[in-house]
Every structure is written in structure tokens, then in C-alpha cells.
């Protein structure tokens, strides 16, 4: 697999994983609460969730995907969790 394909797959994985997390309000709230107390732990949990569902992502890929979103709720999460990300 070329580097370009790996980057595309990682970007796609981050987007699909974000969609899955966003569609589960309980999980979304749990991650938000964790991010307020332990931002790095929340990021690690997102990466672990990706592994569990076959969508491997790195912490950097998660951060890049979140930074590129134009979504008020996500931006609020990022502002509150910025210290650990």
C-alpha cells in the first residue's frame, strides 16, 4: 500500500469512526465527560474504540479529523479538552 493510500484510509477511518461515535449519544457524552477530566485518556479511548471496530486510527489522525470539522458541538469539546490534545 502506498503512503497516499494509507493516509486516505486513515482519514476515512477517522471520519467513519467519528460518525459511529456521534450516532451514539451515550458514548458521545461519556467521551465528553472523560475529556473534561482526562483529555489524553479520552483520545486513547477513541483510538482503542477504532481498533475494536476495525477502524484503526492514530491519535494524530483523530486530532486532525476533529480539527477539520465545522461542527459547534465538536468545537466546544475541543475547546474544553484542548489541554490534553
PDB file of N, CA and C in Angstrom:
ATOM      1  N   UNK A   1       0.856  -1.178   0.000  1.00  0.00           N
ATOM      2  CA  UNK A   1       0.000   0.000   0.000  1.00  0.00           C
ATOM      3  C   UNK A   1       0.891   1.226   0.000  1.00  0.00           C
ATOM      4  N   UNK A   2       0.580   2.174  -0.834  1.00  0.00           N
ATOM      5  CA  UNK A   2       1.376   3.388  -0.889  1.00  0.00           C
ATOM      6  C   UNK A   2       1.060   4.281   0.292  1.00  0.00           C
ATOM      7  N   UNK A   3       1.954   5.231   0.538  1.00  0.00           N
ATOM      8  CA  UNK A   3       1.752   6.180   1.632  1.00  0.00           C
ATOM      9  C   UNK A   3       0.475   6.980   1.428  1.00  0.00           C
ATOM     10  N   UNK A   4       0.193   7.324   0.180  1.00  0.00           N
ATOM     11  CA  UNK A   4      -1.016   8.086  -0.125  1.00  0.00           C
ATOM     12  C   UNK A   4      -2.267   7.285   0.222  1.00  0.00           C
ATOM     13  N   UNK A   5      -2.282   5.999  -0.134  1.00  0.00           N
ATOM     14  CA  UNK A   5      -3.430   5.155   0.194  1.00  0.00           C
ATOM     15  C   UNK A   5      -3.573   4.972   1.692  1.00  0.00           C
ATOM     16  N   UNK A   6      -2.462   4.819   2.400  1.00  0.00           N
ATOM     17  CA  UNK A   6      -2.510   4.671   3.853  1.00  0.00           C
ATOM     18  C   UNK A   6      -3.091   5.924   4.492  1.00  0.00           C
ATOM     19  N   UNK A   7      -2.682   7.089   3.988  1.00  0.00           N
ATOM     20  CA  UNK A   7      -3.203   8.349   4.518  1.00  0.00           C
ATOM     21  C   UNK A   7      -4.694   8.463   4.241  1.00  0.00           C
ATOM     22  N   UNK A   8      -5.107   8.099   3.034  1.00  0.00           N
ATOM     23  CA  UNK A   8      -6.525   8.154   2.682  1.00  0.00           C
ATOM     24  C   UNK A   8      -7.331   7.209   3.559  1.00  0.00           C
ATOM     25  N   UNK A   9      -6.839   5.987   3.769  1.00  0.00           N
ATOM     26  CA  UNK A   9      -7.546   5.026   4.609  1.00  0.00           C
ATOM     27  C   UNK A   9      -7.649   5.521   6.042  1.00  0.00           C
ATOM     28  N   UNK A  10      -6.579   6.106   6.565  1.00  0.00           N
ATOM     29  CA  UNK A  10      -6.598   6.618   7.929  1.00  0.00           C
ATOM     30  C   UNK A  10      -7.590   7.762   8.054  1.00  0.00           C
ATOM     31  N   UNK A  11      -7.615   8.634   7.055  1.00  0.00           N
ATOM     32  CA  UNK A  11      -8.560   9.749   7.063  1.00  0.00           C
ATOM     33  C   UNK A  11      -9.984   9.220   7.005  1.00  0.00           C
ATOM     34  N   UNK A  12     -10.215   8.233   6.146  1.00  0.00           N
ATOM     35  CA  UNK A  12     -11.535   7.621   6.040  1.00  0.00           C
ATOM     36  C   UNK A  12     -11.906   6.940   7.344  1.00  0.00           C
ATOM     37  N   UNK A  13     -10.968   6.213   7.938  1.00  0.00           N
ATOM     38  CA  UNK A  13     -11.237   5.544   9.207  1.00  0.00           C
ATOM     39  C   UNK A  13     -11.635   6.545  10.276  1.00  0.00           C
ATOM     40  N   UNK A  14     -10.925   7.649  10.360  1.00  0.00           N
ATOM     41  CA  UNK A  14     -11.239   8.665  11.368  1.00  0.00           C
ATOM     42  C   UNK A  14     -12.639   9.220  11.138  1.00  0.00           C
ATOM     43  N   UNK A  15     -13.000   9.461   9.889  1.00  0.00           N
ATOM     44  CA  UNK A  15     -14.325  10.003   9.577  1.00  0.00           C
ATOM     45  C   UNK A  15     -15.424   8.991   9.908  1.00  0.00           C
ATOM     46  N   UNK A  16     -15.220   7.735   9.550  1.00  0.00           N
ATOM     47  CA  UNK A  16     -16.222   6.703   9.827  1.00  0.00           C
ATOM     48  C   UNK A  16     -16.356   6.496  11.334  1.00  0.00           C
ATOM     49  N   UNK A  17     -15.229   6.458  12.026  1.00  0.00           N
ATOM     50  CA  UNK A  17     -15.258   6.291  13.479  1.00  0.00           C
ATOM     51  C   UNK A  17     -15.975   7.461  14.140  1.00  0.00           C
ATOM     52  N   UNK A  18     -15.704   8.673  13.693  1.00  0.00           N
ATOM     53  CA  UNK A  18     -16.389   9.850  14.224  1.00  0.00           C
ATOM     54  C   UNK A  18     -17.901   9.712  14.026  1.00  0.00           C
ATOM     55  N   UNK A  19     -18.303   9.259  12.854  1.00  0.00           N
ATOM     56  CA  UNK A  19     -19.728   9.070  12.588  1.00  0.00           C
ATOM     57  C   UNK A  19     -20.360   8.056  13.525  1.00  0.00           C
ATOM     58  N   UNK A  20     -19.654   6.969  13.781  1.00  0.00           N
ATOM     59  CA  UNK A  20     -20.178   5.946  14.696  1.00  0.00           C
ATOM     60  C   UNK A  20     -20.304   6.489  16.116  1.00  0.00           C
ATOM     61  N   UNK A  21     -19.282   7.195  16.565  1.00  0.00           N
ATOM     62  CA  UNK A  21     -19.322   7.761  17.916  1.00  0.00           C
ATOM     63  C   UNK A  21     -20.435   8.800  18.012  1.00  0.00           C
ATOM     64  N   UNK A  22     -20.551   9.648  17.011  1.00  0.00           N
ATOM     65  CA  UNK A  22     -21.566  10.709  17.007  1.00  0.00           C
ATOM     66  C   UNK A  22     -22.982  10.157  17.020  1.00  0.00           C
ATOM     67  N   UNK A  23     -23.163   8.979  16.445  1.00  0.00           N
ATOM     68  CA  UNK A  23     -24.509   8.402  16.374  1.00  0.00           C
ATOM     69  C   UNK A  23     -24.912   7.705  17.671  1.00  0.00           C
ATOM     70  N   UNK A  24     -24.014   7.670  18.652  1.00  0.00           N
ATOM     71  CA  UNK A  24     -24.290   7.041  19.946  1.00  0.00           C
ATOM     72  C   UNK A  24     -24.219   8.117  21.027  1.00  0.00           C
ATOM     73  N   UNK A  25     -25.367   8.732  21.366  1.00  0.00           N
ATOM     74  CA  UNK A  25     -25.352   9.853  22.319  1.00  0.00           C
ATOM     75  C   UNK A  25     -24.735   9.500  23.675  1.00  0.00           C
ATOM     76  N   UNK A  26     -24.963   8.283  24.140  1.00  0.00           N
ATOM     77  CA  UNK A  26     -24.404   7.881  25.432  1.00  0.00           C
ATOM     78  C   UNK A  26     -22.877   7.833  25.372  1.00  0.00           C
ATOM     79  N   UNK A  27     -22.343   7.259  24.315  1.00  0.00           N
ATOM     80  CA  UNK A  27     -20.894   7.192  24.138  1.00  0.00           C
ATOM     81  C   UNK A  27     -20.310   8.586  23.955  1.00  0.00           C
ATOM     82  N   UNK A  28     -20.992   9.405  23.172  1.00  0.00           N
ATOM     83  CA  UNK A  28     -20.523  10.776  22.948  1.00  0.00           C
ATOM     84  C   UNK A  28     -20.425  11.530  24.266  1.00  0.00           C
ATOM     85  N   UNK A  29     -21.454  11.443  25.096  1.00  0.00           N
ATOM     86  CA  UNK A  29     -21.444  12.131  26.393  1.00  0.00           C
ATOM     87  C   UNK A  29     -20.361  11.569  27.302  1.00  0.00           C
ATOM     88  N   UNK A  30     -20.188  10.262  27.292  1.00  0.00           N
ATOM     89  CA  UNK A  30     -19.167   9.631  28.121  1.00  0.00           C
ATOM     90  C   UNK A  30     -17.770  10.118  27.729  1.00  0.00           C
ATOM     91  N   UNK A  31     -17.514  10.185  26.434  1.00  0.00           N
ATOM     92  CA  UNK A  31     -16.216  10.671  25.962  1.00  0.00           C
ATOM     93  C   UNK A  31     -16.027  12.145  26.294  1.00  0.00           C
ATOM     94  N   UNK A  32     -17.090  12.932  26.185  1.00  0.00           N
ATOM     95  CA  UNK A  32     -17.010  14.354  26.520  1.00  0.00           C
ATOM     96  C   UNK A  32     -16.668  14.525  27.993  1.00  0.00           C
ATOM     97  N   UNK A  33     -17.367  13.792  28.856  1.00  0.00           N
ATOM     98  CA  UNK A  33     -17.084  13.893  30.298  1.00  0.00           C
ATOM     99  C   UNK A  33     -15.653  13.462  30.598  1.00  0.00           C
ATOM    100  N   UNK A  34     -15.207  12.390  29.961  1.00  0.00           N
ATOM    101  CA  UNK A  34     -13.839  11.935  30.178  1.00  0.00           C
ATOM    102  C   UNK A  34     -12.845  12.982  29.695  1.00  0.00           C
ATOM    103  N   UNK A  35     -13.133  13.604  28.564  1.00  0.00           N
ATOM    104  CA  UNK A  35     -12.217  14.607  28.009  1.00  0.00           C
ATOM    105  C   UNK A  35     -12.058  15.802  28.940  1.00  0.00           C
ATOM    106  N   UNK A  36     -13.109  16.133  29.683  1.00  0.00           N
ATOM    107  CA  UNK A  36     -13.012  17.246  30.629  1.00  0.00           C
ATOM    108  C   UNK A  36     -12.033  16.936  31.752  1.00  0.00           C
ATOM    109  N   UNK A  37     -11.978  15.679  32.173  1.00  0.00           N
ATOM    110  CA  UNK A  37     -11.118  15.271  33.279  1.00  0.00           C
ATOM    111  C   UNK A  37      -9.765  14.729  32.806  1.00  0.00           C
ATOM    112  N   UNK A  38      -9.777  14.045  31.687  1.00  0.00           N
ATOM    113  CA  UNK A  38      -8.595  13.322  31.212  1.00  0.00           C
ATOM    114  C   UNK A  38      -8.573  13.325  29.682  1.00  0.00           C
ATOM    115  N   UNK A  39      -8.207  14.466  29.079  1.00  0.00           N
ATOM    116  CA  UNK A  39      -8.244  14.558  27.608  1.00  0.00           C
ATOM    117  C   UNK A  39      -7.411  13.495  26.903  1.00  0.00           C
ATOM    118  N   UNK A  40      -6.228  13.212  27.411  1.00  0.00           N
ATOM    119  CA  UNK A  40      -5.388  12.198  26.763  1.00  0.00           C
ATOM    120  C   UNK A  40      -6.021  10.819  26.864  1.00  0.00           C
ATOM    121  N   UNK A  41      -6.662  10.556  27.991  1.00  0.00           N
ATOM    122  CA  UNK A  41      -7.354   9.280  28.165  1.00  0.00           C
ATOM    123  C   UNK A  41      -8.520   9.140  27.200  1.00  0.00           C
ATOM    124  N   UNK A  42      -9.243  10.231  26.975  1.00  0.00           N
ATOM    125  CA  UNK A  42     -10.359  10.202  26.026  1.00  0.00           C
ATOM    126  C   UNK A  42      -9.842   9.925  24.618  1.00  0.00           C
ATOM    127  N   UNK A  43      -8.740  10.542  24.271  1.00  0.00           N
ATOM    128  CA  UNK A  43      -8.147  10.315  22.957  1.00  0.00           C
ATOM    129  C   UNK A  43      -7.710   8.857  22.823  1.00  0.00           C
ATOM    130  N   UNK A  44      -7.089   8.328  23.865  1.00  0.00           N
ATOM    131  CA  UNK A  44      -6.692   6.922  23.860  1.00  0.00           C
ATOM    132  C   UNK A  44      -7.887   5.994  23.731  1.00  0.00           C
ATOM    133  N   UNK A  45      -8.970   6.365  24.378  1.00  0.00           N
ATOM    134  CA  UNK A  45     -10.192   5.563  24.298  1.00  0.00           C
ATOM    135  C   UNK A  45     -10.756   5.578  22.886  1.00  0.00           C
ATOM    136  N   UNK A  46     -10.713   6.712  22.218  1.00  0.00           N
ATOM    137  CA  UNK A  46     -11.183   6.801  20.830  1.00  0.00           C
ATOM    138  C   UNK A  46     -10.332   5.903  19.934  1.00  0.00           C
ATOM    139  N   UNK A  47      -9.021   5.944  20.127  1.00  0.00           N
ATOM    140  CA  UNK A  47      -8.120   5.090  19.340  1.00  0.00           C
ATOM    141  C   UNK A  47      -8.442   3.617  19.600  1.00  0.00           C
ATOM    142  N   UNK A  48      -8.663   3.254  20.877  1.00  0.00           N
ATOM    143  CA  UNK A  48      -8.996   1.870  21.229  1.00  0.00           C
ATOM    144  C   UNK A  48     -10.334   1.450  20.618  1.00  0.00           C
ATOM    145  N   UNK A  49     -11.306   2.352  20.633  1.00  0.00           N
ATOM    146  CA  UNK A  49     -12.599   2.052  20.004  1.00  0.00           C
ATOM    147  C   UNK A  49     -12.414   1.771  18.514  1.00  0.00           C
ATOM    148  N   UNK A  50     -11.564   2.544  17.875  1.00  0.00           N
ATOM    149  CA  UNK A  50     -11.282   2.316  16.462  1.00  0.00           C
ATOM    150  C   UNK A  50     -10.720   0.931  16.217  1.00  0.00           C
ATOM    151  N   UNK A  51      -9.786   0.517  17.058  1.00  0.00           N
ATOM    152  CA  UNK A  51      -9.207  -0.827  16.929  1.00  0.00           C
ATOM    153  C   UNK A  51     -10.286  -1.894  17.098  1.00  0.00           C
ATOM    154  N   UNK A  52     -11.156  -1.704  18.083  1.00  0.00           N
ATOM    155  CA  UNK A  52     -12.204  -2.692  18.376  1.00  0.00           C
ATOM    156  C   UNK A  52     -13.163  -2.886  17.213  1.00  0.00           C
ATOM    157  N   UNK A  53     -13.436  -1.832  16.475  1.00  0.00           N
ATOM    158  CA  UNK A  53     -14.410  -1.931  15.378  1.00  0.00           C
ATOM    159  C   UNK A  53     -13.743  -2.041  14.007  1.00  0.00           C
ATOM    160  N   UNK A  54     -12.433  -2.260  13.987  1.00  0.00           N
ATOM    161  CA  UNK A  54     -11.733  -2.452  12.720  1.00  0.00           C
ATOM    162  C   UNK A  54     -11.475  -1.177  11.946  1.00  0.00           C
ATOM    163  N   UNK A  55     -11.403  -0.050  12.670  1.00  0.00           N
ATOM    164  CA  UNK A  55     -11.111   1.244  12.042  1.00  0.00           C
ATOM    165  C   UNK A  55      -9.894   1.858  12.729  1.00  0.00           C
ATOM    166  N   UNK A  56      -8.715   1.267  12.517  1.00  0.00           N
ATOM    167  CA  UNK A  56      -7.535   1.765  13.232  1.00  0.00           C
ATOM    168  C   UNK A  56      -7.200   3.207  12.868  1.00  0.00           C
ATOM    169  N   UNK A  57      -6.953   4.000  13.901  1.00  0.00           N
ATOM    170  CA  UNK A  57      -6.569   5.402  13.753  1.00  0.00           C
ATOM    171  C   UNK A  57      -5.502   5.714  14.787  1.00  0.00           C
ATOM    172  N   UNK A  58      -4.693   6.709  14.489  1.00  0.00           N
ATOM    173  CA  UNK A  58      -3.702   7.180  15.453  1.00  0.00           C
ATOM    174  C   UNK A  58      -4.274   8.394  16.177  1.00  0.00           C
ATOM    175  N   UNK A  59      -3.706   8.747  17.313  1.00  0.00           N
ATOM    176  CA  UNK A  59      -4.150   9.976  17.993  1.00  0.00           C
ATOM    177  C   UNK A  59      -4.052  11.200  17.084  1.00  0.00           C
ATOM    178  N   UNK A  60      -2.999  11.263  16.271  1.00  0.00           N
ATOM    179  CA  UNK A  60      -2.813  12.404  15.374  1.00  0.00           C
ATOM    180  C   UNK A  60      -3.921  12.469  14.325  1.00  0.00           C
ATOM    181  N   UNK A  61      -4.331  11.300  13.815  1.00  0.00           N
ATOM    182  CA  UNK A  61      -5.406  11.266  12.820  1.00  0.00           C
ATOM    183  C   UNK A  61      -6.736  11.713  13.429  1.00  0.00           C
ATOM    184  N   UNK A  62      -6.981  11.298  14.669  1.00  0.00           N
ATOM    185  CA  UNK A  62      -8.206  11.724  15.353  1.00  0.00           C
ATOM    186  C   UNK A  62      -8.190  13.235  15.532  1.00  0.00           C
ATOM    187  N   UNK A  63      -7.073  13.770  16.012  1.00  0.00           N
ATOM    188  CA  UNK A  63      -6.972  15.219  16.231  1.00  0.00           C
ATOM    189  C   UNK A  63      -7.138  15.979  14.918  1.00  0.00           C
ATOM    190  N   UNK A  64      -6.516  15.486  13.845  1.00  0.00           N
ATOM    191  CA  UNK A  64      -6.619  16.163  12.550  1.00  0.00           C
ATOM    192  C   UNK A  64      -8.060  16.154  12.051  1.00  0.00           C
ATOM    193  N   UNK A  65      -8.740  15.033  12.216  1.00  0.00           N
ATOM    194  CA  UNK A  65     -10.132  14.960  11.764  1.00  0.00           C
ATOM    195  C   UNK A  65     -11.005  15.923  12.563  1.00  0.00           C
ATOM    196  N   UNK A  66     -10.857  15.915  13.875  1.00  0.00           N
ATOM    197  CA  UNK A  66     -11.659  16.811  14.716  1.00  0.00           C
ATOM    198  C   UNK A  66     -11.390  18.273  14.386  1.00  0.00           C
ATOM    199  N   UNK A  67     -10.134  18.600  14.143  1.00  0.00           N
ATOM    200  CA  UNK A  67      -9.774  19.988  13.843  1.00  0.00           C
ATOM    201  C   UNK A  67     -10.387  20.457  12.527  1.00  0.00           C
ATOM    202  N   UNK A  68     -10.640  19.526  11.611  1.00  0.00           N
ATOM    203  CA  UNK A  68     -11.183  19.889  10.313  1.00  0.00           C
ATOM    204  C   UNK A  68     -12.701  19.961  10.256  1.00  0.00           C
ATOM    205  N   UNK A  69     -13.366  19.646  11.349  1.00  0.00           N
ATOM    206  CA  UNK A  69     -14.833  19.656  11.357  1.00  0.00           C
ATOM    207  C   UNK A  69     -15.377  21.053  11.588  1.00  0.00           C
ATOM    208  N   UNK A  70     -16.511  21.323  10.980  1.00  0.00           N
ATOM    209  CA  UNK A  70     -17.201  22.598  11.194  1.00  0.00           C
ATOM    210  C   UNK A  70     -18.511  22.286  11.914  1.00  0.00           C
ATOM    211  N   UNK A  71     -18.372  21.910  13.177  1.00  0.00           N
ATOM    212  CA  UNK A  71     -19.496  21.434  13.978  1.00  0.00           C
ATOM    213  C   UNK A  71     -19.381  22.073  15.357  1.00  0.00           C
ATOM    214  N   UNK A  72     -20.390  22.822  15.751  1.00  0.00           N
ATOM    215  CA  UNK A  72     -20.347  23.565  17.013  1.00  0.00           C
ATOM    216  C   UNK A  72     -20.094  22.696  18.227  1.00  0.00           C
ATOM    217  N   UNK A  73     -20.751  21.545  18.308  1.00  0.00           N
ATOM    218  CA  UNK A  73     -20.579  20.672  19.470  1.00  0.00           C
ATOM    219  C   UNK A  73     -19.154  20.128  19.532  1.00  0.00           C
ATOM    220  N   UNK A  74     -18.608  19.764  18.386  1.00  0.00           N
ATOM    221  CA  UNK A  74     -17.240  19.259  18.355  1.00  0.00           C
ATOM    222  C   UNK A  74     -16.263  20.360  18.730  1.00  0.00           C
ATOM    223  N   UNK A  75     -16.486  21.552  18.224  1.00  0.00           N
ATOM    224  CA  UNK A  75     -15.599  22.671  18.567  1.00  0.00           C
ATOM    225  C   UNK A  75     -15.648  22.948  20.064  1.00  0.00           C
ATOM    226  N   UNK A  76     -16.829  22.838  20.684  1.00  0.00           N
ATOM    227  CA  UNK A  76     -16.945  23.025  22.131  1.00  0.00           C
ATOM    228  C   UNK A  76     -16.117  21.968  22.855  1.00  0.00           C
ATOM    229  N   UNK A  77     -16.209  20.730  22.397  1.00  0.00           N
ATOM    230  CA  UNK A  77     -15.446  19.646  23.000  1.00  0.00           C
ATOM    231  C   UNK A  77     -13.952  19.932  22.887  1.00  0.00           C
ATOM    232  N   UNK A  78     -13.522  20.376  21.711  1.00  0.00           N
ATOM    233  CA  UNK A  78     -12.106  20.665  21.504  1.00  0.00           C
ATOM    234  C   UNK A  78     -11.621  21.791  22.400  1.00  0.00           C
ATOM    235  N   UNK A  79     -12.416  22.840  22.552  1.00  0.00           N
ATOM    236  CA  UNK A  79     -12.021  23.958  23.413  1.00  0.00           C
ATOM    237  C   UNK A  79     -11.840  23.469  24.839  1.00  0.00           C
ATOM    238  N   UNK A  80     -12.771  22.672  25.330  1.00  0.00           N
ATOM    239  CA  UNK A  80     -12.707  22.193  26.709  1.00  0.00           C
ATOM    240  C   UNK A  80     -11.580  21.190  26.910  1.00  0.00           C
ATOM    241  N   UNK A  81     -11.312  20.388  25.885  1.00  0.00           N
ATOM    242  CA  UNK A  81     -10.324  19.326  26.023  1.00  0.00           C
ATOM    243  C   UNK A  81      -8.948  19.713  25.496  1.00  0.00           C
ATOM    244  N   UNK A  82      -8.794  20.906  25.002  1.00  0.00           N
ATOM    245  CA  UNK A  82      -7.574  21.327  24.303  1.00  0.00           C
ATOM    246  C   UNK A  82      -6.299  21.014  25.088  1.00  0.00           C
ATOM    247  N   UNK A  83      -6.324  21.189  26.382  1.00  0.00           N
ATOM    248  CA  UNK A  83      -5.127  20.991  27.188  1.00  0.00           C
ATOM    249  C   UNK A  83      -4.475  19.640  26.997  1.00  0.00           C
ATOM    250  N   UNK A  84      -5.257  18.584  26.843  1.00  0.00           N
ATOM    251  CA  UNK A  84      -4.688  17.256  26.714  1.00  0.00           C
ATOM    252  C   UNK A  84      -4.502  16.804  25.293  1.00  0.00           C
ATOM    253  N   UNK A  85      -5.073  17.519  24.367  1.00  0.00           N
ATOM    254  CA  UNK A  85      -4.941  17.131  22.966  1.00  0.00           C
ATOM    255  C   UNK A  85      -3.790  17.886  22.379  1.00  0.00           C
TER     256      UNK A  85
END
